[in-house]
C-alpha atoms as a PDB file:
ATOM      1  CA  UNK A   1     103.636  97.016  95.790  1.00  0.00           C
ATOM      2  CA  UNK A   2     102.212  97.992  92.930  1.00  0.00           C
ATOM      3  CA  UNK A   3     104.800  95.937  90.861  1.00  0.00           C
ATOM      4  CA  UNK A   4     104.207  92.605  92.536  1.00  0.00           C
ATOM      5  CA  UNK A   5     102.531  89.424  91.046  1.00  0.00           C
ATOM      6  CA  UNK A   6      98.866  89.141  91.349  1.00  0.00           C
ATOM      7  CA  UNK A   7      99.140  86.270  94.208  1.00  0.00           C
ATOM      8  CA  UNK A   8     101.681  88.658  96.170  1.00  0.00           C
ATOM      9  CA  UNK A   9      99.179  91.638  95.743  1.00  0.00           C
ATOM     10  CA  UNK A  10      96.318  89.348  96.715  1.00  0.00           C
ATOM     11  CA  UNK A  11      98.229  87.848  99.639  1.00  0.00           C
ATOM     12  CA  UNK A  12      99.560  91.439 100.984  1.00  0.00           C
ATOM     13  CA  UNK A  13      95.755  92.544 101.065  1.00  0.00           C
ATOM     14  CA  UNK A  14      94.657  89.426 102.719  1.00  0.00           C
ATOM     15  CA  UNK A  15      97.322  89.807 105.410  1.00  0.00           C
ATOM     16  CA  UNK A  16      96.932  93.228 105.993  1.00  0.00           C
ATOM     17  CA  UNK A  17     100.181  94.335 104.979  1.00  0.00           C
ATOM     18  CA  UNK A  18      98.865  96.736 102.474  1.00  0.00           C
ATOM     19  CA  UNK A  19      95.484  98.313 101.883  1.00  0.00           C
ATOM     20  CA  UNK A  20      93.595  98.416  98.845  1.00  0.00           C
ATOM     21  CA  UNK A  21      93.513 102.398  98.814  1.00  0.00           C
ATOM     22  CA  UNK A  22      97.328 102.170  99.116  1.00  0.00           C
ATOM     23  CA  UNK A  23      97.600  99.903  96.075  1.00  0.00           C
ATOM     24  CA  UNK A  24      95.256 102.092  94.162  1.00  0.00           C
ATOM     25  CA  UNK A  25      97.416 105.336  95.020  1.00  0.00           C
ATOM     26  CA  UNK A  26     100.506 103.642  94.064  1.00  0.00           C
ATOM     27  CA  UNK A  27      98.980 102.235  90.651  1.00  0.00           C
ATOM     28  CA  UNK A  28      97.585 105.820  89.847  1.00  0.00           C
ATOM     29  CA  UNK A  29     101.217 107.305  90.513  1.00  0.00           C
ATOM     30  CA  UNK A  30     102.913 104.749  88.193  1.00  0.00           C
ATOM     31  CA  UNK A  31     100.407 105.229  85.587  1.00  0.00           C
ATOM     32  CA  UNK A  32     100.466 109.117  85.867  1.00  0.00           C
ATOM     33  CA  UNK A  33     104.664 108.952  85.835  1.00  0.00           C
ATOM     34  CA  UNK A  34     104.515 107.132  82.633  1.00  0.00           C
ATOM     35  CA  UNK A  35     101.709 108.395  80.688  1.00  0.00           C
ATOM     36  CA  UNK A  36     103.573 110.925  78.978  1.00  0.00           C
ATOM     37  CA  UNK A  37     106.335 108.482  77.641  1.00  0.00           C
ATOM     38  CA  UNK A  38     103.994 105.553  76.789  1.00  0.00           C
ATOM     39  CA  UNK A  39     100.652 107.187  76.110  1.00  0.00           C
ATOM     40  CA  UNK A  40      98.910 103.996  77.187  1.00  0.00           C
ATOM     41  CA  UNK A  41      95.673 105.222  78.775  1.00  0.00           C
ATOM     42  CA  UNK A  42      92.513 106.964  77.517  1.00  0.00           C
ATOM     43  CA  UNK A  43      91.302 107.452  80.763  1.00  0.00           C
ATOM     44  CA  UNK A  44      92.197 107.231  84.629  1.00  0.00           C
ATOM     45  CA  UNK A  45      89.474 106.903  87.150  1.00  0.00           C
ATOM     46  CA  UNK A  46      91.400 108.485  89.711  1.00  0.00           C
ATOM     47  CA  UNK A  47      88.800 109.509  92.229  1.00  0.00           C
ATOM     48  CA  UNK A  48      86.475 106.780  91.660  1.00  0.00           C
ATOM     49  CA  UNK A  49      89.134 104.120  91.940  1.00  0.00           C
ATOM     50  CA  UNK A  50      90.386 105.612  95.100  1.00  0.00           C
ATOM     51  CA  UNK A  51      86.956 105.505  96.811  1.00  0.00           C
ATOM     52  CA  UNK A  52      86.506 101.872  95.522  1.00  0.00           C
ATOM     53  CA  UNK A  53      89.908 100.874  97.099  1.00  0.00           C
ATOM     54  CA  UNK A  54      88.514 102.628 100.375  1.00  0.00           C
ATOM     55  CA  UNK A  55      85.206 100.600  99.906  1.00  0.00           C
ATOM     56  CA  UNK A  56      87.248  97.422  99.366  1.00  0.00           C
ATOM     57  CA  UNK A  57      89.031  98.128 102.764  1.00  0.00           C
ATOM     58  CA  UNK A  58      86.103  98.418 104.530  1.00  0.00           C
ATOM     59  CA  UNK A  59      84.668  95.237 103.415  1.00  0.00           C
ATOM     60  CA  UNK A  60      87.919  93.553 104.330  1.00  0.00           C
ATOM     61  CA  UNK A  61      87.484  94.795 107.909  1.00  0.00           C
ATOM     62  CA  UNK A  62      84.340  93.511 108.327  1.00  0.00           C
ATOM     63  CA  UNK A  63      84.950  90.289 106.754  1.00  0.00           C
ATOM     64  CA  UNK A  64      82.767  90.828 103.815  1.00  0.00           C
ATOM     65  CA  UNK A  65      85.200  90.500 100.793  1.00  0.00           C
ATOM     66  CA  UNK A  66      83.667  89.935  97.653  1.00  0.00           C
ATOM     67  CA  UNK A  67      86.169  87.631  96.143  1.00  0.00           C
ATOM     68  CA  UNK A  68      89.839  86.797  96.071  1.00  0.00           C
ATOM     69  CA  UNK A  69      90.699  89.998  93.711  1.00  0.00           C
ATOM     70  CA  UNK A  70      88.372  92.539  95.706  1.00  0.00           C
ATOM     71  CA  UNK A  71      90.835  95.392  96.173  1.00  0.00           C
ATOM     72  CA  UNK A  72      93.254  94.535  93.478  1.00  0.00           C
ATOM     73  CA  UNK A  73      93.452  97.528  90.822  1.00  0.00           C
ATOM     74  CA  UNK A  74      93.131  96.491  87.450  1.00  0.00           C
ATOM     75  CA  UNK A  75      94.391  98.568  84.094  1.00  0.00           C
ATOM     76  CA  UNK A  76      92.920  97.425  80.615  1.00  0.00           C
ATOM     77  CA  UNK A  77      94.875  97.963  77.516  1.00  0.00           C
ATOM     78  CA  UNK A  78      93.508  98.067  74.079  1.00  0.00           C
ATOM     79  CA  UNK A  79      96.268  97.262  71.556  1.00  0.00           C
ATOM     80  CA  UNK A  80      95.939  98.319  67.948  1.00  0.00           C
ATOM     81  CA  UNK A  81      98.327  96.824  65.793  1.00  0.00           C
END
């Protein structure tokens, strides 16, 4: 699922088809798998991201979602040309 569009990912979370924690696990796995070849991450917040994913899942169960992208993993990139 980590390769879906933002809208597909948001809808999958909303419908319960996937959890935020599962999205984070998938995203971390892809990031770690590509790191040697791409060297595109200066830091991965693995444990913190997993905890934040679990917290998002708990909020979702309680109906206390922070916003439409709550629970969607995000990677930031700085490109130097």
